[in-house]
């Protein structure tokens, strides 16, 4: 199988189900941004500080592929066999956050992103996740979208924030408080 098909040379692509749509369609933007997020999660997973979290980060990447395949399908294709996104996927993120939170000081202020390259990569993934969530919500306003997708993305951005905090602790990097000028 060749990677290039030339079928998209005129600015269209196919959804799962065969319908051709513009590459600028909101559905394409949604699953394309999921793909972008997945790449950043891979970058976060590759950081030495996350060695013991590689499995959970790989699991997250797998779920993002699931979300991408669901979003790439025509809503009518829901009867076709697609990978599942489950409530337990959201619970896994919540449990991971709870476990990390046990090791962290309570937050008393907003935190400026940064302090170490690994942490910065995590914050990039978090903000891309927030953008992905906004795009998927916009898609849900005009088409059918499984509500678990929106919930998963919302919880994932929270997970990534807590992950950045635990990385800071493990890397012995001081979290920088945002002190607004008033």
N, C-alpha and C. Protein backbone atom coordinates (compact mmCIF):
# COMPACT_ATOMS: atom_id res chain seq x y z
N UNK A 1 0.84 -1.19 0.00
CA UNK A 1 0.00 0.00 0.00
C UNK A 1 0.88 1.24 0.00
N UNK A 2 0.59 2.15 -0.89
CA UNK A 2 1.33 3.41 -0.94
C UNK A 2 0.74 4.39 0.06
N UNK A 3 1.61 5.23 0.61
CA UNK A 3 1.17 6.27 1.54
C UNK A 3 0.39 7.34 0.79
N UNK A 4 0.86 7.69 -0.40
CA UNK A 4 0.17 8.74 -1.14
C UNK A 4 -0.87 8.13 -2.07
N UNK A 5 -2.03 8.78 -2.10
CA UNK A 5 -3.13 8.29 -2.94
C UNK A 5 -3.51 9.31 -4.02
N UNK A 6 -3.12 10.55 -3.82
CA UNK A 6 -3.44 11.66 -4.71
C UNK A 6 -4.92 12.06 -4.68
N UNK A 7 -5.72 11.36 -3.84
CA UNK A 7 -7.15 11.67 -3.81
C UNK A 7 -7.43 12.98 -3.06
N UNK A 8 -6.48 13.47 -2.31
CA UNK A 8 -6.68 14.71 -1.57
C UNK A 8 -6.06 15.92 -2.24
N UNK A 9 -5.60 15.75 -3.45
CA UNK A 9 -4.90 16.84 -4.14
C UNK A 9 -5.77 18.06 -4.42
N UNK A 10 -7.07 17.88 -4.37
CA UNK A 10 -7.97 19.01 -4.64
C UNK A 10 -8.60 19.55 -3.35
N UNK A 11 -8.02 19.18 -2.20
CA UNK A 11 -8.47 19.75 -0.94
C UNK A 11 -9.61 19.03 -0.26
N UNK A 12 -9.85 17.78 -0.67
CA UNK A 12 -10.89 17.00 0.01
C UNK A 12 -10.27 15.72 0.57
N UNK A 13 -11.00 15.11 1.49
CA UNK A 13 -10.58 13.84 2.07
C UNK A 13 -11.83 13.02 2.35
N UNK A 14 -11.64 11.75 2.61
CA UNK A 14 -12.78 10.85 2.87
C UNK A 14 -12.92 10.59 4.36
N UNK A 15 -14.17 10.60 4.81
CA UNK A 15 -14.48 10.12 6.15
C UNK A 15 -14.60 8.61 6.09
N UNK A 16 -14.52 7.96 7.25
CA UNK A 16 -14.81 6.54 7.31
C UNK A 16 -16.29 6.41 6.93
N UNK A 17 -16.54 5.72 5.87
CA UNK A 17 -17.89 5.63 5.32
C UNK A 17 -17.89 6.10 3.88
N UNK A 18 -16.85 6.84 3.48
CA UNK A 18 -16.68 7.20 2.08
C UNK A 18 -17.04 8.60 1.66
N UNK A 19 -17.78 9.33 2.47
CA UNK A 19 -18.17 10.69 2.10
C UNK A 19 -16.92 11.56 1.99
N UNK A 20 -16.82 12.30 0.87
CA UNK A 20 -15.70 13.22 0.69
C UNK A 20 -16.10 14.58 1.23
N UNK A 21 -15.20 15.18 1.99
CA UNK A 21 -15.45 16.49 2.58
C UNK A 21 -14.20 17.34 2.42
N UNK A 22 -14.38 18.65 2.55
CA UNK A 22 -13.26 19.56 2.50
C UNK A 22 -12.30 19.29 3.65
N UNK A 23 -11.03 19.44 3.39
CA UNK A 23 -10.04 19.27 4.46
C UNK A 23 -10.14 20.37 5.51
N UNK A 24 -10.94 21.39 5.23
CA UNK A 24 -11.16 22.45 6.21
C UNK A 24 -12.43 22.23 7.03
N UNK A 25 -13.13 21.12 6.79
CA UNK A 25 -14.36 20.82 7.54
C UNK A 25 -14.05 20.69 9.02
N UNK A 26 -14.99 21.08 9.85
CA UNK A 26 -14.81 21.05 11.29
C UNK A 26 -14.48 19.65 11.79
N UNK A 27 -15.10 18.63 11.23
CA UNK A 27 -14.81 17.24 11.64
C UNK A 27 -13.34 16.91 11.37
N UNK A 28 -12.81 17.36 10.24
CA UNK A 28 -11.41 17.10 9.91
C UNK A 28 -10.50 17.88 10.87
N UNK A 29 -10.88 19.12 11.16
CA UNK A 29 -10.14 19.93 12.13
C UNK A 29 -10.12 19.23 13.49
N UNK A 30 -11.24 18.64 13.88
CA UNK A 30 -11.33 17.97 15.18
C UNK A 30 -10.39 16.78 15.25
N UNK A 31 -10.48 15.85 14.30
CA UNK A 31 -9.61 14.68 14.44
C UNK A 31 -8.17 14.99 14.06
N UNK A 32 -7.95 16.02 13.27
CA UNK A 32 -6.57 16.45 13.01
C UNK A 32 -5.91 17.02 14.25
N UNK A 33 -6.68 17.73 15.06
CA UNK A 33 -6.14 18.30 16.29
C UNK A 33 -5.94 17.20 17.34
N UNK A 34 -6.78 16.17 17.32
CA UNK A 34 -6.54 15.00 18.17
C UNK A 34 -5.21 14.37 17.80
N UNK A 35 -4.92 14.28 16.51
CA UNK A 35 -3.66 13.72 16.04
C UNK A 35 -2.48 14.57 16.51
N UNK A 36 -2.62 15.89 16.43
CA UNK A 36 -1.58 16.79 16.92
C UNK A 36 -1.35 16.57 18.41
N UNK A 37 -2.42 16.48 19.18
CA UNK A 37 -2.32 16.23 20.61
C UNK A 37 -1.60 14.91 20.86
N UNK A 38 -1.94 13.89 20.11
CA UNK A 38 -1.34 12.58 20.28
C UNK A 38 0.18 12.65 20.08
N UNK A 39 0.61 13.45 19.11
CA UNK A 39 2.04 13.61 18.87
C UNK A 39 2.73 14.28 20.06
N UNK A 40 2.07 15.26 20.65
CA UNK A 40 2.65 15.92 21.82
C UNK A 40 2.66 14.99 23.04
N UNK A 41 1.65 14.14 23.17
CA UNK A 41 1.67 13.16 24.26
C UNK A 41 2.86 12.22 24.07
N UNK A 42 3.16 11.87 22.83
CA UNK A 42 4.35 11.06 22.55
C UNK A 42 5.62 11.76 22.99
N UNK A 43 5.69 13.05 22.76
CA UNK A 43 6.85 13.84 23.20
C UNK A 43 6.96 13.84 24.72
N UNK A 44 5.84 13.99 25.39
CA UNK A 44 5.83 13.96 26.86
C UNK A 44 6.25 12.56 27.35
N UNK A 45 5.73 11.55 26.70
CA UNK A 45 6.07 10.16 27.08
C UNK A 45 7.57 9.89 26.92
N UNK A 46 8.20 10.52 25.95
CA UNK A 46 9.62 10.30 25.69
C UNK A 46 10.55 11.01 26.67
N UNK A 47 10.02 11.80 27.57
CA UNK A 47 10.85 12.51 28.55
C UNK A 47 11.30 11.54 29.64
N UNK A 48 12.56 11.60 29.99
CA UNK A 48 13.13 10.69 30.99
C UNK A 48 12.35 10.72 32.30
N UNK A 49 11.87 11.88 32.69
CA UNK A 49 11.14 12.01 33.95
C UNK A 49 9.86 11.17 33.96
N UNK A 50 9.37 10.81 32.79
CA UNK A 50 8.12 10.04 32.68
C UNK A 50 8.34 8.56 32.43
N UNK A 51 9.54 8.08 32.69
CA UNK A 51 9.86 6.67 32.46
C UNK A 51 8.84 5.75 33.14
N UNK A 52 8.49 6.04 34.39
CA UNK A 52 7.55 5.16 35.10
C UNK A 52 6.10 5.40 34.68
N UNK A 53 5.86 6.42 33.86
CA UNK A 53 4.50 6.71 33.38
C UNK A 53 4.32 6.37 31.90
N UNK A 54 5.31 5.72 31.31
CA UNK A 54 5.23 5.41 29.88
C UNK A 54 3.98 4.60 29.53
N UNK A 55 3.62 3.66 30.39
CA UNK A 55 2.46 2.81 30.08
C UNK A 55 1.16 3.60 30.07
N UNK A 56 0.96 4.46 31.07
CA UNK A 56 -0.28 5.25 31.10
C UNK A 56 -0.30 6.24 29.93
N UNK A 57 0.85 6.81 29.60
CA UNK A 57 0.88 7.75 28.47
C UNK A 57 0.64 7.03 27.14
N UNK A 58 1.14 5.81 27.03
CA UNK A 58 0.85 5.01 25.83
C UNK A 58 -0.64 4.67 25.77
N UNK A 59 -1.24 4.36 26.92
CA UNK A 59 -2.68 4.10 26.99
C UNK A 59 -3.47 5.33 26.53
N UNK A 60 -3.04 6.51 26.97
CA UNK A 60 -3.68 7.76 26.55
C UNK A 60 -3.56 7.92 25.04
N UNK A 61 -2.39 7.63 24.49
CA UNK A 61 -2.22 7.73 23.04
C UNK A 61 -3.16 6.77 22.31
N UNK A 62 -3.33 5.58 22.85
CA UNK A 62 -4.25 4.62 22.25
C UNK A 62 -5.68 5.16 22.28
N UNK A 63 -6.08 5.74 23.41
CA UNK A 63 -7.43 6.31 23.51
C UNK A 63 -7.60 7.46 22.52
N UNK A 64 -6.54 8.25 22.32
CA UNK A 64 -6.64 9.35 21.35
C UNK A 64 -6.79 8.82 19.93
N UNK A 65 -6.16 7.69 19.61
CA UNK A 65 -6.39 7.07 18.30
C UNK A 65 -7.84 6.62 18.19
N UNK A 66 -8.38 6.08 19.28
CA UNK A 66 -9.79 5.68 19.30
C UNK A 66 -10.68 6.89 19.04
N UNK A 67 -10.42 7.98 19.74
CA UNK A 67 -11.21 9.21 19.55
C UNK A 67 -11.09 9.70 18.12
N UNK A 68 -9.88 9.69 17.59
CA UNK A 68 -9.68 10.12 16.20
C UNK A 68 -10.47 9.27 15.22
N UNK A 69 -10.48 7.97 15.43
CA UNK A 69 -11.21 7.10 14.50
C UNK A 69 -12.72 7.31 14.61
N UNK A 70 -13.20 7.58 15.82
CA UNK A 70 -14.63 7.87 15.99
C UNK A 70 -14.98 9.18 15.29
N UNK A 71 -14.16 10.20 15.49
CA UNK A 71 -14.43 11.50 14.87
C UNK A 71 -14.28 11.46 13.35
N UNK A 72 -13.43 10.57 12.85
CA UNK A 72 -13.21 10.46 11.40
C UNK A 72 -14.33 9.69 10.70
N UNK A 73 -15.26 9.18 11.48
CA UNK A 73 -16.36 8.39 10.92
C UNK A 73 -17.60 9.25 10.77
N UNK A 74 -18.33 8.98 9.71
CA UNK A 74 -19.63 9.63 9.55
C UNK A 74 -20.51 9.22 10.72
N UNK A 75 -21.30 10.14 11.26
CA UNK A 75 -22.16 9.78 12.39
C UNK A 75 -23.01 8.54 12.12
N UNK A 76 -23.41 8.33 10.88
CA UNK A 76 -24.22 7.16 10.52
C UNK A 76 -23.42 5.87 10.64
N UNK A 77 -22.09 5.98 10.71
CA UNK A 77 -21.23 4.80 10.80
C UNK A 77 -21.18 4.23 12.22
N UNK A 78 -21.93 4.83 13.13
CA UNK A 78 -21.88 4.37 14.52
C UNK A 78 -22.31 2.91 14.67
N UNK A 79 -23.00 2.39 13.66
CA UNK A 79 -23.40 0.99 13.72
C UNK A 79 -22.24 0.08 13.31
N UNK A 80 -21.24 0.65 12.64
CA UNK A 80 -20.07 -0.14 12.28
C UNK A 80 -19.21 -0.36 13.51
N UNK A 81 -18.40 -1.37 13.46
CA UNK A 81 -17.52 -1.68 14.59
C UNK A 81 -16.36 -0.69 14.61
N UNK A 82 -16.38 0.16 15.64
CA UNK A 82 -15.31 1.13 15.87
C UNK A 82 -14.71 0.85 17.24
N UNK A 83 -13.47 1.27 17.46
CA UNK A 83 -12.91 1.09 18.81
C UNK A 83 -13.78 1.81 19.84
N UNK A 84 -13.78 1.30 21.05
CA UNK A 84 -14.62 1.85 22.11
C UNK A 84 -13.88 2.86 22.97
N UNK A 85 -14.60 3.87 23.39
CA UNK A 85 -14.17 4.75 24.46
C UNK A 85 -15.14 4.47 25.60
N UNK A 86 -14.60 4.19 26.79
CA UNK A 86 -15.44 3.74 27.90
C UNK A 86 -15.35 4.69 29.08
N UNK A 87 -16.33 4.62 29.93
CA UNK A 87 -16.33 5.38 31.19
C UNK A 87 -15.07 5.05 31.99
N UNK A 88 -14.63 3.81 31.94
CA UNK A 88 -13.43 3.40 32.69
C UNK A 88 -12.17 4.12 32.20
N UNK A 89 -12.17 4.59 30.95
CA UNK A 89 -11.02 5.36 30.45
C UNK A 89 -10.92 6.70 31.18
N UNK A 90 -12.07 7.29 31.46
CA UNK A 90 -12.11 8.56 32.21
C UNK A 90 -11.72 8.29 33.67
N UNK A 91 -12.22 7.21 34.22
CA UNK A 91 -11.90 6.86 35.60
C UNK A 91 -10.40 6.60 35.78
N UNK A 92 -9.77 6.02 34.77
CA UNK A 92 -8.32 5.79 34.84
C UNK A 92 -7.57 7.12 35.00
N UNK A 93 -7.96 8.12 34.22
CA UNK A 93 -7.32 9.44 34.33
C UNK A 93 -7.56 10.03 35.72
N UNK A 94 -8.78 9.90 36.22
CA UNK A 94 -9.10 10.43 37.54
C UNK A 94 -8.28 9.74 38.63
N UNK A 95 -8.16 8.43 38.54
CA UNK A 95 -7.36 7.68 39.52
C UNK A 95 -5.89 8.08 39.46
N UNK A 96 -5.36 8.25 38.26
CA UNK A 96 -3.97 8.67 38.11
C UNK A 96 -3.76 10.05 38.72
N UNK A 97 -4.71 10.96 38.49
CA UNK A 97 -4.60 12.30 39.08
C UNK A 97 -4.65 12.23 40.60
N UNK A 98 -5.57 11.43 41.13
CA UNK A 98 -5.68 11.30 42.59
C UNK A 98 -4.37 10.78 43.18
N UNK A 99 -3.75 9.81 42.52
CA UNK A 99 -2.48 9.26 43.02
C UNK A 99 -1.37 10.30 42.97
N UNK A 100 -1.30 11.08 41.91
CA UNK A 100 -0.27 12.13 41.82
C UNK A 100 -0.54 13.22 42.85
N UNK A 101 -1.81 13.58 43.01
CA UNK A 101 -2.18 14.64 43.96
C UNK A 101 -1.74 14.33 45.38
N UNK A 102 -1.72 13.06 45.74
CA UNK A 102 -1.31 12.66 47.09
C UNK A 102 0.13 13.09 47.39
N UNK A 103 0.94 13.24 46.35
CA UNK A 103 2.35 13.59 46.51
C UNK A 103 2.61 15.09 46.37
N UNK A 104 1.57 15.85 46.04
CA UNK A 104 1.76 17.28 45.76
C UNK A 104 1.22 18.15 46.88
N UNK A 105 1.86 19.31 47.02
CA UNK A 105 1.34 20.34 47.93
C UNK A 105 0.05 20.88 47.32
N UNK A 106 -0.91 21.27 48.16
CA UNK A 106 -2.13 21.88 47.60
C UNK A 106 -1.79 23.15 46.82
N UNK A 107 -2.54 23.39 45.76
CA UNK A 107 -2.33 24.60 44.96
C UNK A 107 -2.91 25.80 45.70
N UNK A 108 -2.13 26.88 45.74
CA UNK A 108 -2.60 28.10 46.38
C UNK A 108 -2.58 29.28 45.42
N UNK A 109 -2.17 29.02 44.19
CA UNK A 109 -2.03 30.09 43.21
C UNK A 109 -1.97 29.48 41.81
N UNK A 110 -2.16 30.34 40.81
CA UNK A 110 -1.97 29.89 39.43
C UNK A 110 -0.48 29.70 39.20
N UNK A 111 -0.14 28.76 38.34
CA UNK A 111 1.25 28.43 38.07
C UNK A 111 1.60 28.83 36.64
N UNK A 112 2.73 29.50 36.47
CA UNK A 112 3.20 29.83 35.13
C UNK A 112 3.81 28.58 34.50
N UNK A 113 3.46 28.28 33.25
CA UNK A 113 4.05 27.12 32.59
C UNK A 113 5.57 27.29 32.44
N UNK A 114 6.28 26.19 32.56
CA UNK A 114 7.72 26.22 32.32
C UNK A 114 8.53 25.74 33.52
N UNK A 115 9.80 26.06 33.48
CA UNK A 115 10.72 25.68 34.54
C UNK A 115 11.69 24.59 34.12
N UNK A 116 11.29 23.80 33.16
CA UNK A 116 12.12 22.71 32.63
C UNK A 116 11.51 22.30 31.29
N UNK A 117 12.34 21.87 30.37
CA UNK A 117 11.85 21.52 29.04
C UNK A 117 10.75 20.45 29.10
N UNK A 118 10.91 19.44 29.94
CA UNK A 118 9.91 18.38 30.04
C UNK A 118 8.56 18.92 30.51
N UNK A 119 8.61 19.83 31.47
CA UNK A 119 7.38 20.45 31.97
C UNK A 119 6.74 21.30 30.88
N UNK A 120 7.55 22.04 30.16
CA UNK A 120 7.04 22.88 29.07
C UNK A 120 6.35 22.03 28.00
N UNK A 121 6.94 20.88 27.67
CA UNK A 121 6.29 19.98 26.71
C UNK A 121 4.92 19.54 27.24
N UNK A 122 4.85 19.26 28.54
CA UNK A 122 3.59 18.87 29.14
C UNK A 122 2.54 19.97 29.05
N UNK A 123 2.96 21.22 29.28
CA UNK A 123 2.01 22.33 29.18
C UNK A 123 1.57 22.56 27.74
N UNK A 124 2.47 22.35 26.78
CA UNK A 124 2.05 22.43 25.37
C UNK A 124 0.98 21.38 25.08
N UNK A 125 1.19 20.16 25.55
CA UNK A 125 0.19 19.11 25.35
C UNK A 125 -1.13 19.50 26.02
N UNK A 126 -1.05 20.07 27.21
CA UNK A 126 -2.26 20.47 27.93
C UNK A 126 -3.04 21.53 27.15
N UNK A 127 -2.35 22.52 26.61
CA UNK A 127 -3.07 23.58 25.89
C UNK A 127 -3.61 23.08 24.55
N UNK A 128 -2.91 22.17 23.91
CA UNK A 128 -3.43 21.57 22.68
C UNK A 128 -4.65 20.72 23.01
N UNK A 129 -4.63 20.06 24.16
CA UNK A 129 -5.79 19.29 24.59
C UNK A 129 -7.00 20.20 24.81
N UNK A 130 -6.79 21.35 25.42
CA UNK A 130 -7.89 22.31 25.62
C UNK A 130 -8.44 22.79 24.27
N UNK A 131 -7.53 23.06 23.32
CA UNK A 131 -7.98 23.48 21.98
C UNK A 131 -8.78 22.36 21.32
N UNK A 132 -8.29 21.14 21.45
CA UNK A 132 -8.99 19.98 20.89
C UNK A 132 -10.40 19.89 21.47
N UNK A 133 -10.49 20.05 22.78
CA UNK A 133 -11.79 20.00 23.44
C UNK A 133 -12.74 21.06 22.88
N UNK A 134 -12.24 22.29 22.70
CA UNK A 134 -13.09 23.36 22.16
C UNK A 134 -13.58 23.04 20.76
N UNK A 135 -12.70 22.49 19.93
CA UNK A 135 -13.08 22.15 18.55
C UNK A 135 -14.12 21.04 18.55
N UNK A 136 -13.93 20.04 19.39
CA UNK A 136 -14.88 18.92 19.45
C UNK A 136 -16.24 19.41 19.97
N UNK A 137 -16.23 20.32 20.93
CA UNK A 137 -17.50 20.88 21.42
C UNK A 137 -18.20 21.64 20.29
N UNK A 138 -17.43 22.39 19.51
CA UNK A 138 -18.03 23.11 18.37
C UNK A 138 -18.62 22.10 17.38
N UNK A 139 -17.92 21.00 17.13
CA UNK A 139 -18.43 19.96 16.24
C UNK A 139 -19.72 19.36 16.81
N UNK A 140 -19.77 19.16 18.13
CA UNK A 140 -20.96 18.60 18.76
C UNK A 140 -22.16 19.52 18.63
N UNK A 141 -21.93 20.80 18.44
CA UNK A 141 -23.04 21.75 18.27
C UNK A 141 -23.69 21.61 16.90
N UNK A 142 -22.98 20.98 15.95
CA UNK A 142 -23.55 20.84 14.60
C UNK A 142 -23.72 19.38 14.15
N UNK A 143 -23.19 18.45 14.92
CA UNK A 143 -23.24 17.05 14.52
C UNK A 143 -23.25 16.18 15.78
N UNK A 144 -23.52 14.91 15.59
CA UNK A 144 -23.51 13.98 16.72
C UNK A 144 -22.08 13.66 17.12
N UNK A 145 -21.78 13.83 18.41
CA UNK A 145 -20.47 13.48 18.97
C UNK A 145 -20.72 12.74 20.29
N UNK A 146 -20.09 11.62 20.45
CA UNK A 146 -20.18 10.86 21.69
C UNK A 146 -19.73 11.74 22.85
N UNK A 147 -20.60 11.94 23.83
CA UNK A 147 -20.28 12.84 24.95
C UNK A 147 -19.09 12.36 25.77
N UNK A 148 -18.76 11.07 25.72
CA UNK A 148 -17.58 10.57 26.43
C UNK A 148 -16.30 11.19 25.86
N UNK A 149 -16.31 11.53 24.58
CA UNK A 149 -15.13 12.15 23.97
C UNK A 149 -14.85 13.49 24.63
N UNK A 150 -15.88 14.30 24.78
CA UNK A 150 -15.70 15.62 25.39
C UNK A 150 -15.25 15.46 26.84
N UNK A 151 -15.88 14.55 27.57
CA UNK A 151 -15.50 14.33 28.97
C UNK A 151 -14.07 13.83 29.07
N UNK A 152 -13.68 12.92 28.18
CA UNK A 152 -12.31 12.39 28.20
C UNK A 152 -11.30 13.51 27.96
N UNK A 153 -11.54 14.33 26.96
CA UNK A 153 -10.61 15.42 26.65
C UNK A 153 -10.54 16.42 27.80
N UNK A 154 -11.66 16.69 28.44
CA UNK A 154 -11.66 17.60 29.58
C UNK A 154 -10.82 17.02 30.72
N UNK A 155 -11.01 15.75 31.01
CA UNK A 155 -10.25 15.12 32.08
C UNK A 155 -8.78 14.98 31.71
N UNK A 156 -8.51 14.74 30.43
CA UNK A 156 -7.11 14.61 29.99
C UNK A 156 -6.35 15.91 30.20
N UNK A 157 -6.97 17.04 29.92
CA UNK A 157 -6.26 18.31 30.13
C UNK A 157 -5.97 18.51 31.61
N UNK A 158 -6.90 18.10 32.48
CA UNK A 158 -6.64 18.16 33.92
C UNK A 158 -5.48 17.23 34.29
N UNK A 159 -5.51 16.02 33.74
CA UNK A 159 -4.43 15.06 34.00
C UNK A 159 -3.08 15.66 33.59
N UNK A 160 -3.03 16.29 32.43
CA UNK A 160 -1.76 16.85 31.95
C UNK A 160 -1.27 17.97 32.87
N UNK A 161 -2.19 18.75 33.43
CA UNK A 161 -1.80 19.80 34.37
C UNK A 161 -1.16 19.17 35.62
N UNK A 162 -1.83 18.16 36.17
CA UNK A 162 -1.29 17.50 37.36
C UNK A 162 0.03 16.81 37.02
N UNK A 163 0.12 16.23 35.83
CA UNK A 163 1.37 15.61 35.39
C UNK A 163 2.51 16.64 35.39
N UNK A 164 2.23 17.84 34.91
CA UNK A 164 3.26 18.89 34.90
C UNK A 164 3.70 19.22 36.33
N UNK A 165 2.75 19.24 37.24
CA UNK A 165 3.09 19.52 38.64
C UNK A 165 3.96 18.41 39.24
N UNK A 166 3.62 17.16 38.96
CA UNK A 166 4.41 16.06 39.53
C UNK A 166 5.78 16.01 38.88
N UNK A 167 5.87 16.36 37.59
CA UNK A 167 7.18 16.41 36.95
C UNK A 167 8.04 17.48 37.62
N UNK A 168 7.45 18.62 37.92
CA UNK A 168 8.19 19.69 38.59
C UNK A 168 8.73 19.20 39.93
N UNK A 169 7.90 18.49 40.67
CA UNK A 169 8.35 17.96 41.96
C UNK A 169 9.50 16.98 41.77
N UNK A 170 9.33 16.04 40.85
CA UNK A 170 10.35 15.01 40.64
C UNK A 170 11.65 15.59 40.08
N UNK A 171 11.54 16.64 39.28
CA UNK A 171 12.73 17.29 38.71
C UNK A 171 13.31 18.34 39.66
N UNK A 172 12.63 18.51 40.80
CA UNK A 172 13.05 19.49 41.80
C UNK A 172 13.12 20.90 41.22
N UNK A 173 12.06 21.22 40.47
CA UNK A 173 11.92 22.53 39.85
C UNK A 173 10.82 23.28 40.61
N UNK A 174 11.14 24.48 41.02
CA UNK A 174 10.16 25.28 41.74
C UNK A 174 9.04 25.73 40.81
N UNK A 175 7.79 25.53 41.26
CA UNK A 175 6.66 26.04 40.49
C UNK A 175 6.63 27.56 40.68
N UNK A 176 6.46 28.26 39.57
CA UNK A 176 6.47 29.72 39.61
C UNK A 176 5.04 30.22 39.71
N UNK A 177 4.76 30.90 40.83
CA UNK A 177 3.42 31.43 41.05
C UNK A 177 3.19 32.63 40.16
N UNK A 178 1.98 32.71 39.61
CA UNK A 178 1.60 33.91 38.88
C UNK A 178 1.15 34.93 39.91
N UNK A 179 1.81 36.07 39.87
CA UNK A 179 1.47 37.15 40.78
C UNK A 179 1.02 38.32 39.94
N UNK A 180 -0.30 38.49 39.79
CA UNK A 180 -0.81 39.52 38.91
C UNK A 180 -0.42 40.93 39.39
N UNK A 181 -0.08 41.75 38.44
CA UNK A 181 0.24 43.15 38.74
C UNK A 181 -1.07 43.88 38.88
N UNK A 182 -1.27 44.50 40.01
CA UNK A 182 -2.52 45.25 40.21
C UNK A 182 -2.23 46.69 40.56
